[in-house]
Amino acid sequence: NGYDFVIGRENIKNFWAEDFKTSKLLEMKTTVITVDGNDDLIYETGKTTSRGLYQDSVYVVTVKYINLWKKQTDGTYKLDIDFWNKDFIK
């Protein structure tokens, strides 16, 4: 949220629910830049650009992200950490 971490499934759901009370997502495009890791942990980096509607204005935001995927006991992977911040494009 720009100021602190949002931790836990319910807190993350509440964070996005609050955001979508006043805005509407129009389009989202993700570009994966790297994927690496091992059998237990996979990390992914990339950029996501979103177009959203807030009041009567359309805004575009690009963020850089790092995702950490953790292997589960059943062999599948679940997203364990999703860290992103605004991409200040020069």
PDB file of N, CA and C in Angstrom:
ATOM      1  N   ASN A   1       0.812  -1.210   0.000  1.00  0.00           N
ATOM      2  CA  ASN A   1       0.000   0.000   0.000  1.00  0.00           C
ATOM      3  C   ASN A   1       0.851   1.268   0.000  1.00  0.00           C
ATOM      4  N   GLY A   2       2.143   1.095  -0.215  1.00  0.00           N
ATOM      5  CA  GLY A   2       3.037   2.248  -0.270  1.00  0.00           C
ATOM      6  C   GLY A   2       3.623   2.626   1.067  1.00  0.00           C
ATOM      7  N   TYR A   3       3.015   2.214   2.160  1.00  0.00           N
ATOM      8  CA  TYR A   3       3.496   2.608   3.472  1.00  0.00           C
ATOM      9  C   TYR A   3       3.893   1.418   4.335  1.00  0.00           C
ATOM     10  N   ASP A   4       3.287   0.284   4.115  1.00  0.00           N
ATOM     11  CA  ASP A   4       3.529  -0.867   4.969  1.00  0.00           C
ATOM     12  C   ASP A   4       3.193  -2.135   4.198  1.00  0.00           C
ATOM     13  N   PHE A   5       3.518  -3.263   4.767  1.00  0.00           N
ATOM     14  CA  PHE A   5       3.192  -4.549   4.170  1.00  0.00           C
ATOM     15  C   PHE A   5       1.748  -4.926   4.483  1.00  0.00           C
ATOM     16  N   VAL A   6       1.118  -5.617   3.567  1.00  0.00           N
ATOM     17  CA  VAL A   6      -0.210  -6.188   3.801  1.00  0.00           C
ATOM     18  C   VAL A   6       0.011  -7.694   3.900  1.00  0.00           C
ATOM     19  N   ILE A   7      -0.245  -8.252   5.065  1.00  0.00           N
ATOM     20  CA  ILE A   7       0.082  -9.649   5.333  1.00  0.00           C
ATOM     21  C   ILE A   7      -1.179 -10.425   5.686  1.00  0.00           C
ATOM     22  N   GLY A   8      -1.309 -11.602   5.082  1.00  0.00           N
ATOM     23  CA  GLY A   8      -2.438 -12.478   5.385  1.00  0.00           C
ATOM     24  C   GLY A   8      -3.542 -12.367   4.352  1.00  0.00           C
ATOM     25  N   ARG A   9      -4.144 -13.508   4.067  1.00  0.00           N
ATOM     26  CA  ARG A   9      -5.174 -13.599   3.028  1.00  0.00           C
ATOM     27  C   ARG A   9      -6.323 -12.608   3.250  1.00  0.00           C
ATOM     28  N   GLU A  10      -6.858 -12.540   4.457  1.00  0.00           N
ATOM     29  CA  GLU A  10      -8.000 -11.639   4.713  1.00  0.00           C
ATOM     30  C   GLU A  10      -7.597 -10.177   4.573  1.00  0.00           C
ATOM     31  N   ASN A  11      -6.414  -9.816   5.064  1.00  0.00           N
ATOM     32  CA  ASN A  11      -5.951  -8.436   4.948  1.00  0.00           C
ATOM     33  C   ASN A  11      -5.745  -8.042   3.490  1.00  0.00           C
ATOM     34  N   ILE A  12      -5.230  -8.969   2.690  1.00  0.00           N
ATOM     35  CA  ILE A  12      -5.034  -8.697   1.260  1.00  0.00           C
ATOM     36  C   ILE A  12      -6.388  -8.527   0.571  1.00  0.00           C
ATOM     37  N   LYS A  13      -7.338  -9.405   0.877  1.00  0.00           N
ATOM     38  CA  LYS A  13      -8.681  -9.275   0.296  1.00  0.00           C
ATOM     39  C   LYS A  13      -9.300  -7.933   0.672  1.00  0.00           C
ATOM     40  N   ASN A  14      -9.152  -7.523   1.932  1.00  0.00           N
ATOM     41  CA  ASN A  14      -9.702  -6.248   2.395  1.00  0.00           C
ATOM     42  C   ASN A  14      -9.025  -5.061   1.718  1.00  0.00           C
ATOM     43  N   PHE A  15      -7.713  -5.156   1.534  1.00  0.00           N
ATOM     44  CA  PHE A  15      -6.967  -4.091   0.858  1.00  0.00           C
ATOM     45  C   PHE A  15      -7.528  -3.842  -0.535  1.00  0.00           C
ATOM     46  N   TRP A  16      -7.689  -4.922  -1.328  1.00  0.00           N
ATOM     47  CA  TRP A  16      -8.187  -4.766  -2.690  1.00  0.00           C
ATOM     48  C   TRP A  16      -9.674  -4.409  -2.712  1.00  0.00           C
ATOM     49  N   ALA A  17     -10.451  -4.949  -1.789  1.00  0.00           N
ATOM     50  CA  ALA A  17     -11.885  -4.609  -1.737  1.00  0.00           C
ATOM     51  C   ALA A  17     -12.066  -3.118  -1.478  1.00  0.00           C
ATOM     52  N   GLU A  18     -11.253  -2.559  -0.599  1.00  0.00           N
ATOM     53  CA  GLU A  18     -11.328  -1.129  -0.299  1.00  0.00           C
ATOM     54  C   GLU A  18     -10.945  -0.305  -1.532  1.00  0.00           C
ATOM     55  N   ASP A  19      -9.909  -0.735  -2.238  1.00  0.00           N
ATOM     56  CA  ASP A  19      -9.466  -0.023  -3.439  1.00  0.00           C
ATOM     57  C   ASP A  19     -10.553  -0.033  -4.510  1.00  0.00           C
ATOM     58  N   PHE A  20     -11.212  -1.166  -4.687  1.00  0.00           N
ATOM     59  CA  PHE A  20     -12.207  -1.280  -5.753  1.00  0.00           C
ATOM     60  C   PHE A  20     -13.561  -0.674  -5.385  1.00  0.00           C
ATOM     61  N   LYS A  21     -13.695  -0.129  -4.184  1.00  0.00           N
ATOM     62  CA  LYS A  21     -14.912   0.618  -3.850  1.00  0.00           C
ATOM     63  C   LYS A  21     -14.967   1.931  -4.627  1.00  0.00           C
ATOM     64  N   THR A  22     -13.795   2.476  -4.950  1.00  0.00           N
ATOM     65  CA  THR A  22     -13.755   3.788  -5.590  1.00  0.00           C
ATOM     66  C   THR A  22     -13.170   3.757  -6.995  1.00  0.00           C
ATOM     67  N   SER A  23     -12.700   2.595  -7.443  1.00  0.00           N
ATOM     68  CA  SER A  23     -12.105   2.524  -8.778  1.00  0.00           C
ATOM     69  C   SER A  23     -12.525   1.234  -9.471  1.00  0.00           C
ATOM     70  N   LYS A  24     -12.299   1.210 -10.770  1.00  0.00           N
ATOM     71  CA  LYS A  24     -12.656   0.033 -11.559  1.00  0.00           C
ATOM     72  C   LYS A  24     -11.471  -0.323 -12.459  1.00  0.00           C
ATOM     73  N   LEU A  25     -11.070  -1.575 -12.439  1.00  0.00           N
ATOM     74  CA  LEU A  25      -9.996  -2.047 -13.296  1.00  0.00           C
ATOM     75  C   LEU A  25     -10.527  -2.243 -14.707  1.00  0.00           C
ATOM     76  N   LEU A  26      -9.882  -1.598 -15.686  1.00  0.00           N
ATOM     77  CA  LEU A  26     -10.309  -1.699 -17.080  1.00  0.00           C
ATOM     78  C   LEU A  26      -9.469  -2.705 -17.853  1.00  0.00           C
ATOM     79  N   GLU A  27      -8.175  -2.753 -17.555  1.00  0.00           N
ATOM     80  CA  GLU A  27      -7.272  -3.629 -18.298  1.00  0.00           C
ATOM     81  C   GLU A  27      -6.005  -3.835 -17.472  1.00  0.00           C
ATOM     82  N   MET A  28      -5.422  -5.041 -17.598  1.00  0.00           N
ATOM     83  CA  MET A  28      -4.178  -5.332 -16.906  1.00  0.00           C
ATOM     84  C   MET A  28      -3.313  -6.205 -17.810  1.00  0.00           C
ATOM     85  N   LYS A  29      -2.043  -5.833 -17.956  1.00  0.00           N
ATOM     86  CA  LYS A  29      -1.114  -6.617 -18.766  1.00  0.00           C
ATOM     87  C   LYS A  29       0.144  -6.869 -17.945  1.00  0.00           C
ATOM     88  N   THR A  30       0.532  -8.151 -17.846  1.00  0.00           N
ATOM     89  CA  THR A  30       1.729  -8.528 -17.102  1.00  0.00           C
ATOM     90  C   THR A  30       2.773  -9.076 -18.055  1.00  0.00           C
ATOM     91  N   THR A  31       4.005  -8.606 -17.886  1.00  0.00           N
ATOM     92  CA  THR A  31       5.141  -9.101 -18.646  1.00  0.00           C
ATOM     93  C   THR A  31       6.116  -9.741 -17.670  1.00  0.00           C
ATOM     94  N   VAL A  32       6.318 -11.052 -17.796  1.00  0.00           N
ATOM     95  CA  VAL A  32       7.272 -11.762 -16.950  1.00  0.00           C
ATOM     96  C   VAL A  32       8.664 -11.523 -17.523  1.00  0.00           C
ATOM     97  N   ILE A  33       9.610 -11.123 -16.664  1.00  0.00           N
ATOM     98  CA  ILE A  33      10.978 -10.846 -17.115  1.00  0.00           C
ATOM     99  C   ILE A  33      11.898 -12.027 -16.796  1.00  0.00           C
ATOM    100  N   THR A  34      11.829 -12.543 -15.585  1.00  0.00           N
ATOM    101  CA  THR A  34      12.677 -13.683 -15.212  1.00  0.00           C
ATOM    102  C   THR A  34      11.885 -14.684 -14.397  1.00  0.00           C
ATOM    103  N   VAL A  35      12.279 -15.946 -14.512  1.00  0.00           N
ATOM    104  CA  VAL A  35      11.779 -17.024 -13.649  1.00  0.00           C
ATOM    105  C   VAL A  35      12.989 -17.874 -13.327  1.00  0.00           C
ATOM    106  N   ASP A  36      13.221 -18.139 -12.033  1.00  0.00           N
ATOM    107  CA  ASP A  36      14.367 -18.936 -11.619  1.00  0.00           C
ATOM    108  C   ASP A  36      14.056 -19.542 -10.253  1.00  0.00           C
ATOM    109  N   GLY A  37      14.934 -20.370  -9.771  1.00  0.00           N
ATOM    110  CA  GLY A  37      14.756 -20.960  -8.455  1.00  0.00           C
ATOM    111  C   GLY A  37      15.197 -22.401  -8.421  1.00  0.00           C
ATOM    112  N   ASN A  38      14.527 -23.168  -7.574  1.00  0.00           N
ATOM    113  CA  ASN A  38      14.826 -24.588  -7.436  1.00  0.00           C
ATOM    114  C   ASN A  38      13.527 -25.344  -7.201  1.00  0.00           C
ATOM    115  N   ASP A  39      13.624 -26.613  -6.797  1.00  0.00           N
ATOM    116  CA  ASP A  39      12.414 -27.428  -6.589  1.00  0.00           C
ATOM    117  C   ASP A  39      11.482 -26.871  -5.518  1.00  0.00           C
ATOM    118  N   ASP A  40      12.031 -26.220  -4.501  1.00  0.00           N
ATOM    119  CA  ASP A  40      11.217 -25.761  -3.373  1.00  0.00           C
ATOM    120  C   ASP A  40      10.683 -24.341  -3.530  1.00  0.00           C
ATOM    121  N   LEU A  41      11.481 -23.473  -4.149  1.00  0.00           N
ATOM    122  CA  LEU A  41      11.099 -22.066  -4.293  1.00  0.00           C
ATOM    123  C   LEU A  41      11.378 -21.593  -5.710  1.00  0.00           C
ATOM    124  N   ILE A  42      10.435 -20.873  -6.267  1.00  0.00           N
ATOM    125  CA  ILE A  42      10.600 -20.273  -7.583  1.00  0.00           C
ATOM    126  C   ILE A  42      10.353 -18.771  -7.433  1.00  0.00           C
ATOM    127  N   TYR A  43      11.260 -17.974  -7.999  1.00  0.00           N
ATOM    128  CA  TYR A  43      10.987 -16.542  -7.988  1.00  0.00           C
ATOM    129  C   TYR A  43      10.775 -16.051  -9.404  1.00  0.00           C
ATOM    130  N   GLU A  44       9.942 -15.044  -9.484  1.00  0.00           N
ATOM    131  CA  GLU A  44       9.519 -14.474 -10.767  1.00  0.00           C
ATOM    132  C   GLU A  44       9.595 -12.958 -10.647  1.00  0.00           C
ATOM    133  N   THR A  45      10.138 -12.298 -11.658  1.00  0.00           N
ATOM    134  CA  THR A  45      10.129 -10.846 -11.688  1.00  0.00           C
ATOM    135  C   THR A  45       9.417 -10.385 -12.950  1.00  0.00           C
ATOM    136  N   GLY A  46       8.896  -9.180 -12.904  1.00  0.00           N
ATOM    137  CA  GLY A  46       8.220  -8.664 -14.080  1.00  0.00           C
ATOM    138  C   GLY A  46       7.654  -7.281 -13.853  1.00  0.00           C
ATOM    139  N   LYS A  47       6.846  -6.856 -14.816  1.00  0.00           N
ATOM    140  CA  LYS A  47       6.157  -5.571 -14.745  1.00  0.00           C
ATOM    141  C   LYS A  47       4.692  -5.781 -15.106  1.00  0.00           C
ATOM    142  N   THR A  48       3.834  -5.059 -14.445  1.00  0.00           N
ATOM    143  CA  THR A  48       2.406  -5.091 -14.735  1.00  0.00           C
ATOM    144  C   THR A  48       1.919  -3.665 -14.963  1.00  0.00           C
ATOM    145  N   THR A  49       1.180  -3.472 -16.044  1.00  0.00           N
ATOM    146  CA  THR A  49       0.568  -2.180 -16.335  1.00  0.00           C
ATOM    147  C   THR A  49      -0.939  -2.335 -16.241  1.00  0.00           C
ATOM    148  N   SER A  50      -1.557  -1.439 -15.484  1.00  0.00           N
ATOM    149  CA  SER A  50      -3.007  -1.453 -15.283  1.00  0.00           C
ATOM    150  C   SER A  50      -3.611  -0.143 -15.761  1.00  0.00           C
ATOM    151  N   ARG A  51      -4.769  -0.265 -16.377  1.00  0.00           N
ATOM    152  CA  ARG A  51      -5.584   0.905 -16.703  1.00  0.00           C
ATOM    153  C   ARG A  51      -6.809   0.829 -15.817  1.00  0.00           C
ATOM    154  N   GLY A  52      -7.068   1.922 -15.114  1.00  0.00           N
ATOM    155  CA  GLY A  52      -8.204   1.930 -14.214  1.00  0.00           C
ATOM    156  C   GLY A  52      -9.011   3.201 -14.341  1.00  0.00           C
ATOM    157  N   LEU A  53     -10.236   3.115 -13.893  1.00  0.00           N
ATOM    158  CA  LEU A  53     -11.149   4.254 -13.901  1.00  0.00           C
ATOM    159  C   LEU A  53     -11.360   4.712 -12.467  1.00  0.00           C
ATOM    160  N   TYR A  54     -11.060   5.961 -12.204  1.00  0.00           N
ATOM    161  CA  TYR A  54     -11.309   6.564 -10.894  1.00  0.00           C
ATOM    162  C   TYR A  54     -12.103   7.832 -11.131  1.00  0.00           C
ATOM    163  N   GLN A  55     -13.311   7.869 -10.557  1.00  0.00           N
ATOM    164  CA  GLN A  55     -14.255   8.945 -10.831  1.00  0.00           C
ATOM    165  C   GLN A  55     -14.442   9.020 -12.341  1.00  0.00           C
ATOM    166  N   ASP A  56     -14.098  10.135 -12.976  1.00  0.00           N
ATOM    167  CA  ASP A  56     -14.289  10.246 -14.430  1.00  0.00           C
ATOM    168  C   ASP A  56     -12.976  10.194 -15.199  1.00  0.00           C
ATOM    169  N   SER A  57     -11.909   9.786 -14.558  1.00  0.00           N
ATOM    170  CA  SER A  57     -10.597   9.787 -15.202  1.00  0.00           C
ATOM    171  C   SER A  57     -10.043   8.374 -15.339  1.00  0.00           C
ATOM    172  N   VAL A  58      -9.377   8.131 -16.463  1.00  0.00           N
ATOM    173  CA  VAL A  58      -8.670   6.869 -16.674  1.00  0.00           C
ATOM    174  C   VAL A  58      -7.211   7.117 -16.309  1.00  0.00           C
ATOM    175  N   TYR A  59      -6.652   6.232 -15.530  1.00  0.00           N
ATOM    176  CA  TYR A  59      -5.251   6.359 -15.152  1.00  0.00           C
ATOM    177  C   TYR A  59      -4.517   5.070 -15.516  1.00  0.00           C
ATOM    178  N   VAL A  60      -3.218   5.214 -15.749  1.00  0.00           N
ATOM    179  CA  VAL A  60      -2.357   4.087 -16.097  1.00  0.00           C
ATOM    180  C   VAL A  60      -1.233   4.027 -15.064  1.00  0.00           C
ATOM    181  N   VAL A  61      -1.034   2.839 -14.496  1.00  0.00           N
ATOM    182  CA  VAL A  61       0.006   2.632 -13.501  1.00  0.00           C
ATOM    183  C   VAL A  61       0.825   1.412 -13.894  1.00  0.00           C
ATOM    184  N   THR A  62       2.151   1.544 -13.847  1.00  0.00           N
ATOM    185  CA  THR A  62       3.040   0.410 -14.079  1.00  0.00           C
ATOM    186  C   THR A  62       3.797   0.119 -12.801  1.00  0.00           C
ATOM    187  N   VAL A  63       3.825  -1.151 -12.422  1.00  0.00           N
ATOM    188  CA  VAL A  63       4.562  -1.574 -11.232  1.00  0.00           C
ATOM    189  C   VAL A  63       5.577  -2.648 -11.610  1.00  0.00           C
ATOM    190  N   LYS A  64       6.667  -2.704 -10.831  1.00  0.00           N
ATOM    191  CA  LYS A  64       7.635  -3.794 -10.915  1.00  0.00           C
ATOM    192  C   LYS A  64       7.262  -4.767  -9.807  1.00  0.00           C
ATOM    193  N   TYR A  65       7.450  -6.070 -10.047  1.00  0.00           N
ATOM    194  CA  TYR A  65       7.082  -7.014  -8.999  1.00  0.00           C
ATOM    195  C   TYR A  65       8.092  -8.148  -8.879  1.00  0.00           C
ATOM    196  N   ILE A  66       8.086  -8.755  -7.709  1.00  0.00           N
ATOM    197  CA  ILE A  66       8.812  -9.994  -7.434  1.00  0.00           C
ATOM    198  C   ILE A  66       7.816 -10.918  -6.752  1.00  0.00           C
ATOM    199  N   ASN A  67       7.617 -12.100  -7.318  1.00  0.00           N
ATOM    200  CA  ASN A  67       6.756 -13.118  -6.708  1.00  0.00           C
ATOM    201  C   ASN A  67       7.626 -14.292  -6.276  1.00  0.00           C
ATOM    202  N   LEU A  68       7.312 -14.839  -5.125  1.00  0.00           N
ATOM    203  CA  LEU A  68       7.986 -16.034  -4.632  1.00  0.00           C
ATOM    204  C   LEU A  68       6.947 -17.135  -4.505  1.00  0.00           C
ATOM    205  N   TRP A  69       7.144 -18.214  -5.262  1.00  0.00           N
ATOM    206  CA  TRP A  69       6.238 -19.350  -5.275  1.00  0.00           C
ATOM    207  C   TRP A  69       6.849 -20.460  -4.428  1.00  0.00           C
ATOM    208  N   LYS A  70       6.070 -21.037  -3.510  1.00  0.00           N
ATOM    209  CA  LYS A  70       6.558 -22.061  -2.582  1.00  0.00           C
ATOM    210  C   LYS A  70       5.878 -23.399  -2.879  1.00  0.00           C
ATOM    211  N   LYS A  71       6.704 -24.456  -2.963  1.00  0.00           N
ATOM    212  CA  LYS A  71       6.175 -25.786  -3.256  1.00  0.00           C
ATOM    213  C   LYS A  71       5.390 -26.311  -2.062  1.00  0.00           C
ATOM    214  N   GLN A  72       4.222 -26.885  -2.358  1.00  0.00           N
ATOM    215  CA  GLN A  72       3.350 -27.445  -1.334  1.00  0.00           C
ATOM    216  C   GLN A  72       3.600 -28.953  -1.222  1.00  0.00           C
ATOM    217  N   THR A  73       3.071 -29.568  -0.177  1.00  0.00           N
ATOM    218  CA  THR A  73       3.284 -31.008   0.035  1.00  0.00           C
ATOM    219  C   THR A  73       2.679 -31.854  -1.079  1.00  0.00           C
ATOM    220  N   ASP A  74       1.671 -31.311  -1.784  1.00  0.00           N
ATOM    221  CA  ASP A  74       1.061 -32.073  -2.883  1.00  0.00           C
ATOM    222  C   ASP A  74       1.779 -31.867  -4.217  1.00  0.00           C
ATOM    223  N   GLY A  75       2.888 -31.121  -4.214  1.00  0.00           N
ATOM    224  CA  GLY A  75       3.671 -30.906  -5.420  1.00  0.00           C
ATOM    225  C   GLY A  75       3.309 -29.653  -6.203  1.00  0.00           C
ATOM    226  N   THR A  76       2.213 -28.995  -5.851  1.00  0.00           N
ATOM    227  CA  THR A  76       1.834 -27.751  -6.520  1.00  0.00           C
ATOM    228  C   THR A  76       2.578 -26.581  -5.874  1.00  0.00           C
ATOM    229  N   TYR A  77       2.510 -25.429  -6.526  1.00  0.00           N
ATOM    230  CA  TYR A  77       3.135 -24.215  -5.992  1.00  0.00           C
ATOM    231  C   TYR A  77       2.058 -23.195  -5.667  1.00  0.00           C
ATOM    232  N   LYS A  78       2.257 -22.480  -4.555  1.00  0.00           N
ATOM    233  CA  LYS A  78       1.364 -21.382  -4.186  1.00  0.00           C
ATOM    234  C   LYS A  78       2.189 -20.123  -4.017  1.00  0.00           C
ATOM    235  N   LEU A  79       1.569 -19.002  -4.371  1.00  0.00           N
ATOM    236  CA  LEU A  79       2.218 -17.714  -4.222  1.00  0.00           C
ATOM    237  C   LEU A  79       2.401 -17.434  -2.735  1.00  0.00           C
ATOM    238  N   ASP A  80       3.642 -17.249  -2.318  1.00  0.00           N
ATOM    239  CA  ASP A  80       3.951 -17.019  -0.906  1.00  0.00           C
ATOM    240  C   ASP A  80       4.223 -15.545  -0.626  1.00  0.00           C
ATOM    241  N   ILE A  81       4.920 -14.880  -1.548  1.00  0.00           N
ATOM    242  CA  ILE A  81       5.228 -13.459  -1.386  1.00  0.00           C
ATOM    243  C   ILE A  81       5.000 -12.765  -2.725  1.00  0.00           C
ATOM    244  N   ASP A  82       4.294 -11.642  -2.680  1.00  0.00           N
ATOM    245  CA  ASP A  82       4.060 -10.794  -3.856  1.00  0.00           C
ATOM    246  C   ASP A  82       4.465  -9.391  -3.440  1.00  0.00           C
ATOM    247  N   PHE A  83       5.586  -8.915  -3.950  1.00  0.00           N
ATOM    248  CA  PHE A  83       6.106  -7.605  -3.576  1.00  0.00           C
ATOM    249  C   PHE A  83       6.177  -6.742  -4.823  1.00  0.00           C
ATOM    250  N   TRP A  84       5.611  -5.537  -4.764  1.00  0.00           N
ATOM    251  CA  TRP A  84       5.618  -4.653  -5.926  1.00  0.00           C
ATOM    252  C   TRP A  84       5.731  -3.212  -5.499  1.00  0.00           C
ATOM    253  N   ASN A  85       6.249  -2.401  -6.400  1.00  0.00           N
ATOM    254  CA  ASN A  85       6.264  -0.961  -6.199  1.00  0.00           C
ATOM    255  C   ASN A  85       6.191  -0.263  -7.549  1.00  0.00           C
ATOM    256  N   LYS A  86       5.879   0.989  -7.505  1.00  0.00           N
ATOM    257  CA  LYS A  86       5.669   1.758  -8.734  1.00  0.00           C
ATOM    258  C   LYS A  86       6.942   1.796  -9.559  1.00  0.00           C
ATOM    259  N   ASP A  87       6.794   1.652 -10.856  1.00  0.00           N
ATOM    260  CA  ASP A  87       7.907   1.727 -11.791  1.00  0.00           C
ATOM    261  C   ASP A  87       8.006   3.171 -12.280  1.00  0.00           C
ATOM    262  N   PHE A  88       9.057   3.835 -11.885  1.00  0.00           N
ATOM    263  CA  PHE A  88       9.252   5.219 -12.312  1.00  0.00           C
ATOM    264  C   PHE A  88      10.005   5.214 -13.629  1.00  0.00           C
ATOM    265  N   ILE A  89       9.250   5.184 -14.713  1.00  0.00           N
ATOM    266  CA  ILE A  89       9.798   5.121 -16.061  1.00  0.00           C
ATOM    267  C   ILE A  89      10.379   6.474 -16.433  1.00  0.00           C
ATOM    268  N   LYS A  90      11.598   6.450 -16.922  1.00  0.00           N
ATOM    269  CA  LYS A  90      12.266   7.718 -17.304  1.00  0.00           C
ATOM    270  C   LYS A  90      12.021   8.023 -18.744  1.00  0.00           C
TER     271      LYS A  90
END
